[in-house]
Amino acid sequence: MSHVAHELHEEFPDKAQAIHSLRLSNAHFARIADRYHELNRAVHRMETNVEPADDATIEELKKERLKLKDEIAQMIG
């Protein structure tokens, strides 16, 4: 499989330690980070036609991923 874009460590390269620490200490953060990862991988599979989906489905997942990214960004400061 090709490179998966939008991984958290790429989106926030200077916040890797904060992400790691929050994953270990904050259950809510861990859940949203896991959901972000799950959505990101699903979008990647759909965009590369590994798991075909219609455009509306892909866009809906991208919107949810963006919402989670915004929440993560607020939490990591």
N, C-alpha and C. Protein backbone atom coordinates (compact mmCIF):
# COMPACT_ATOMS: atom_id res chain seq x y z
N MET A 1 0.85 -1.17 0.00
CA MET A 1 0.00 0.00 0.00
C MET A 1 0.89 1.24 0.00
N SER A 2 0.42 2.25 -0.67
CA SER A 2 1.19 3.49 -0.75
C SER A 2 1.12 4.25 0.56
N HIS A 3 1.91 5.30 0.63
CA HIS A 3 1.98 6.15 1.82
C HIS A 3 0.59 6.69 2.19
N VAL A 4 0.26 6.65 3.46
CA VAL A 4 -1.01 7.17 3.94
C VAL A 4 -0.79 8.60 4.42
N ALA A 5 -1.37 9.55 3.73
CA ALA A 5 -1.24 10.96 4.11
C ALA A 5 -2.09 11.26 5.33
N HIS A 6 -1.83 12.38 5.95
CA HIS A 6 -2.62 12.92 7.06
C HIS A 6 -2.48 12.16 8.37
N GLU A 7 -1.43 11.39 8.54
CA GLU A 7 -1.20 10.75 9.83
C GLU A 7 -0.93 11.85 10.86
N LEU A 8 -1.31 11.61 12.11
CA LEU A 8 -1.18 12.64 13.13
C LEU A 8 0.26 13.14 13.29
N HIS A 9 1.22 12.23 13.24
CA HIS A 9 2.62 12.66 13.40
C HIS A 9 3.08 13.54 12.24
N GLU A 10 2.42 13.46 11.10
CA GLU A 10 2.73 14.33 9.97
C GLU A 10 1.96 15.64 10.05
N GLU A 11 0.74 15.57 10.54
CA GLU A 11 -0.08 16.77 10.68
C GLU A 11 0.48 17.70 11.76
N PHE A 12 1.04 17.12 12.81
CA PHE A 12 1.59 17.87 13.94
C PHE A 12 3.00 17.37 14.27
N PRO A 13 3.96 17.58 13.37
CA PRO A 13 5.29 17.00 13.57
C PRO A 13 6.01 17.50 14.83
N ASP A 14 5.73 18.71 15.24
CA ASP A 14 6.39 19.26 16.43
C ASP A 14 5.65 18.92 17.73
N LYS A 15 4.57 18.16 17.62
CA LYS A 15 3.77 17.81 18.79
C LYS A 15 3.74 16.30 19.06
N ALA A 16 4.69 15.58 18.50
CA ALA A 16 4.71 14.12 18.64
C ALA A 16 4.73 13.68 20.11
N GLN A 17 5.54 14.35 20.92
CA GLN A 17 5.63 13.97 22.33
C GLN A 17 4.32 14.27 23.06
N ALA A 18 3.70 15.40 22.75
CA ALA A 18 2.42 15.75 23.38
C ALA A 18 1.35 14.74 23.00
N ILE A 19 1.32 14.34 21.74
CA ILE A 19 0.35 13.34 21.29
C ILE A 19 0.56 12.03 22.03
N HIS A 20 1.80 11.60 22.11
CA HIS A 20 2.12 10.35 22.80
C HIS A 20 1.70 10.42 24.28
N SER A 21 2.05 11.51 24.93
CA SER A 21 1.72 11.67 26.35
C SER A 21 0.21 11.69 26.58
N LEU A 22 -0.50 12.43 25.73
CA LEU A 22 -1.96 12.49 25.88
C LEU A 22 -2.62 11.15 25.60
N ARG A 23 -2.10 10.41 24.64
CA ARG A 23 -2.65 9.06 24.38
C ARG A 23 -2.58 8.20 25.63
N LEU A 24 -1.50 8.36 26.40
CA LEU A 24 -1.30 7.54 27.59
C LEU A 24 -2.08 8.04 28.80
N SER A 25 -2.31 9.35 28.88
CA SER A 25 -2.87 9.92 30.10
C SER A 25 -4.32 10.38 29.99
N ASN A 26 -4.86 10.45 28.78
CA ASN A 26 -6.19 11.00 28.60
C ASN A 26 -7.02 10.06 27.73
N ALA A 27 -7.98 9.39 28.34
CA ALA A 27 -8.77 8.38 27.62
C ALA A 27 -9.58 9.01 26.49
N HIS A 28 -10.10 10.20 26.69
CA HIS A 28 -10.86 10.86 25.62
C HIS A 28 -9.95 11.16 24.43
N PHE A 29 -8.78 11.69 24.71
CA PHE A 29 -7.83 11.97 23.63
C PHE A 29 -7.47 10.68 22.89
N ALA A 30 -7.22 9.62 23.63
CA ALA A 30 -6.87 8.34 23.00
C ALA A 30 -7.98 7.87 22.08
N ARG A 31 -9.23 8.02 22.52
CA ARG A 31 -10.37 7.61 21.68
C ARG A 31 -10.46 8.43 20.41
N ILE A 32 -10.32 9.75 20.53
CA ILE A 32 -10.46 10.56 19.31
C ILE A 32 -9.25 10.38 18.39
N ALA A 33 -8.08 10.16 18.96
CA ALA A 33 -6.90 9.89 18.12
C ALA A 33 -7.06 8.56 17.40
N ASP A 34 -7.58 7.56 18.08
CA ASP A 34 -7.83 6.26 17.45
C ASP A 34 -8.87 6.38 16.34
N ARG A 35 -9.93 7.14 16.60
CA ARG A 35 -10.97 7.34 15.59
C ARG A 35 -10.41 8.10 14.39
N TYR A 36 -9.57 9.12 14.65
CA TYR A 36 -8.93 9.86 13.57
C TYR A 36 -8.12 8.90 12.70
N HIS A 37 -7.33 8.05 13.36
CA HIS A 37 -6.50 7.09 12.63
C HIS A 37 -7.37 6.15 11.79
N GLU A 38 -8.44 5.66 12.39
CA GLU A 38 -9.36 4.76 11.69
C GLU A 38 -9.97 5.44 10.47
N LEU A 39 -10.45 6.66 10.64
CA LEU A 39 -11.03 7.41 9.52
C LEU A 39 -9.99 7.70 8.45
N ASN A 40 -8.81 8.09 8.86
CA ASN A 40 -7.76 8.41 7.90
C ASN A 40 -7.42 7.20 7.03
N ARG A 41 -7.31 6.06 7.66
CA ARG A 41 -7.01 4.84 6.89
C ARG A 41 -8.17 4.48 5.95
N ALA A 42 -9.40 4.65 6.42
CA ALA A 42 -10.57 4.35 5.58
C ALA A 42 -10.62 5.28 4.37
N VAL A 43 -10.39 6.56 4.58
CA VAL A 43 -10.38 7.52 3.47
C VAL A 43 -9.29 7.15 2.47
N HIS A 44 -8.13 6.81 2.98
CA HIS A 44 -7.03 6.43 2.09
C HIS A 44 -7.41 5.20 1.25
N ARG A 45 -7.99 4.19 1.89
CA ARG A 45 -8.40 2.99 1.14
C ARG A 45 -9.43 3.34 0.07
N MET A 46 -10.34 4.23 0.39
CA MET A 46 -11.38 4.62 -0.58
C MET A 46 -10.80 5.44 -1.72
N GLU A 47 -9.91 6.37 -1.39
CA GLU A 47 -9.32 7.21 -2.43
C GLU A 47 -8.40 6.44 -3.36
N THR A 48 -7.85 5.35 -2.89
CA THR A 48 -6.97 4.53 -3.73
C THR A 48 -7.70 3.33 -4.33
N ASN A 49 -9.02 3.32 -4.17
CA ASN A 49 -9.90 2.28 -4.72
C ASN A 49 -9.62 0.88 -4.19
N VAL A 50 -8.97 0.79 -3.05
CA VAL A 50 -8.82 -0.50 -2.38
C VAL A 50 -10.17 -0.91 -1.83
N GLU A 51 -10.91 0.09 -1.39
CA GLU A 51 -12.25 -0.09 -0.84
C GLU A 51 -13.15 0.96 -1.49
N PRO A 52 -13.69 0.66 -2.66
CA PRO A 52 -14.45 1.67 -3.41
C PRO A 52 -15.62 2.25 -2.60
N ALA A 53 -15.84 3.54 -2.79
CA ALA A 53 -16.96 4.23 -2.15
C ALA A 53 -17.34 5.43 -3.01
N ASP A 54 -18.57 5.89 -2.83
CA ASP A 54 -18.99 7.06 -3.60
C ASP A 54 -18.41 8.33 -2.99
N ASP A 55 -18.42 9.39 -3.77
CA ASP A 55 -17.83 10.66 -3.35
C ASP A 55 -18.47 11.21 -2.08
N ALA A 56 -19.78 11.05 -1.94
CA ALA A 56 -20.47 11.58 -0.77
C ALA A 56 -19.98 10.90 0.51
N THR A 57 -19.76 9.61 0.45
CA THR A 57 -19.26 8.87 1.61
C THR A 57 -17.85 9.34 1.98
N ILE A 58 -17.01 9.47 0.99
CA ILE A 58 -15.63 9.92 1.22
C ILE A 58 -15.64 11.32 1.84
N GLU A 59 -16.45 12.21 1.29
CA GLU A 59 -16.51 13.59 1.81
C GLU A 59 -17.02 13.62 3.25
N GLU A 60 -17.99 12.79 3.57
CA GLU A 60 -18.51 12.74 4.94
C GLU A 60 -17.43 12.28 5.91
N LEU A 61 -16.67 11.27 5.52
CA LEU A 61 -15.58 10.79 6.37
C LEU A 61 -14.48 11.85 6.51
N LYS A 62 -14.21 12.57 5.44
CA LYS A 62 -13.20 13.63 5.51
C LYS A 62 -13.64 14.74 6.47
N LYS A 63 -14.92 15.07 6.46
CA LYS A 63 -15.45 16.10 7.37
C LYS A 63 -15.30 15.65 8.82
N GLU A 64 -15.62 14.39 9.08
CA GLU A 64 -15.48 13.87 10.44
C GLU A 64 -14.00 13.88 10.86
N ARG A 65 -13.13 13.48 9.93
CA ARG A 65 -11.68 13.48 10.21
C ARG A 65 -11.21 14.89 10.53
N LEU A 66 -11.66 15.88 9.78
CA LEU A 66 -11.26 17.27 10.01
C LEU A 66 -11.76 17.77 11.37
N LYS A 67 -12.97 17.40 11.72
CA LYS A 67 -13.51 17.79 13.03
C LYS A 67 -12.64 17.21 14.15
N LEU A 68 -12.26 15.95 14.01
CA LEU A 68 -11.40 15.33 15.02
C LEU A 68 -10.02 15.99 15.04
N LYS A 69 -9.50 16.31 13.87
CA LYS A 69 -8.19 16.98 13.81
C LYS A 69 -8.24 18.31 14.54
N ASP A 70 -9.32 19.06 14.36
CA ASP A 70 -9.47 20.33 15.06
C ASP A 70 -9.51 20.13 16.56
N GLU A 71 -10.23 19.11 17.01
CA GLU A 71 -10.31 18.82 18.45
C GLU A 71 -8.94 18.41 18.99
N ILE A 72 -8.23 17.60 18.24
CA ILE A 72 -6.89 17.17 18.63
C ILE A 72 -5.96 18.38 18.70
N ALA A 73 -6.03 19.25 17.74
CA ALA A 73 -5.18 20.45 17.71
C ALA A 73 -5.42 21.30 18.95
N GLN A 74 -6.66 21.45 19.35
CA GLN A 74 -6.97 22.22 20.56
C GLN A 74 -6.38 21.56 21.80
N MET A 75 -6.44 20.25 21.85
CA MET A 75 -5.98 19.54 23.03
C MET A 75 -4.45 19.54 23.16
N ILE A 76 -3.75 19.53 22.04
CA ILE A 76 -2.29 19.49 22.12
C ILE A 76 -1.67 20.88 22.16
N GLY A 77 -2.53 21.89 21.98
CA GLY A 77 -2.09 23.29 22.10
C GLY A 77 -1.14 23.65 21.06
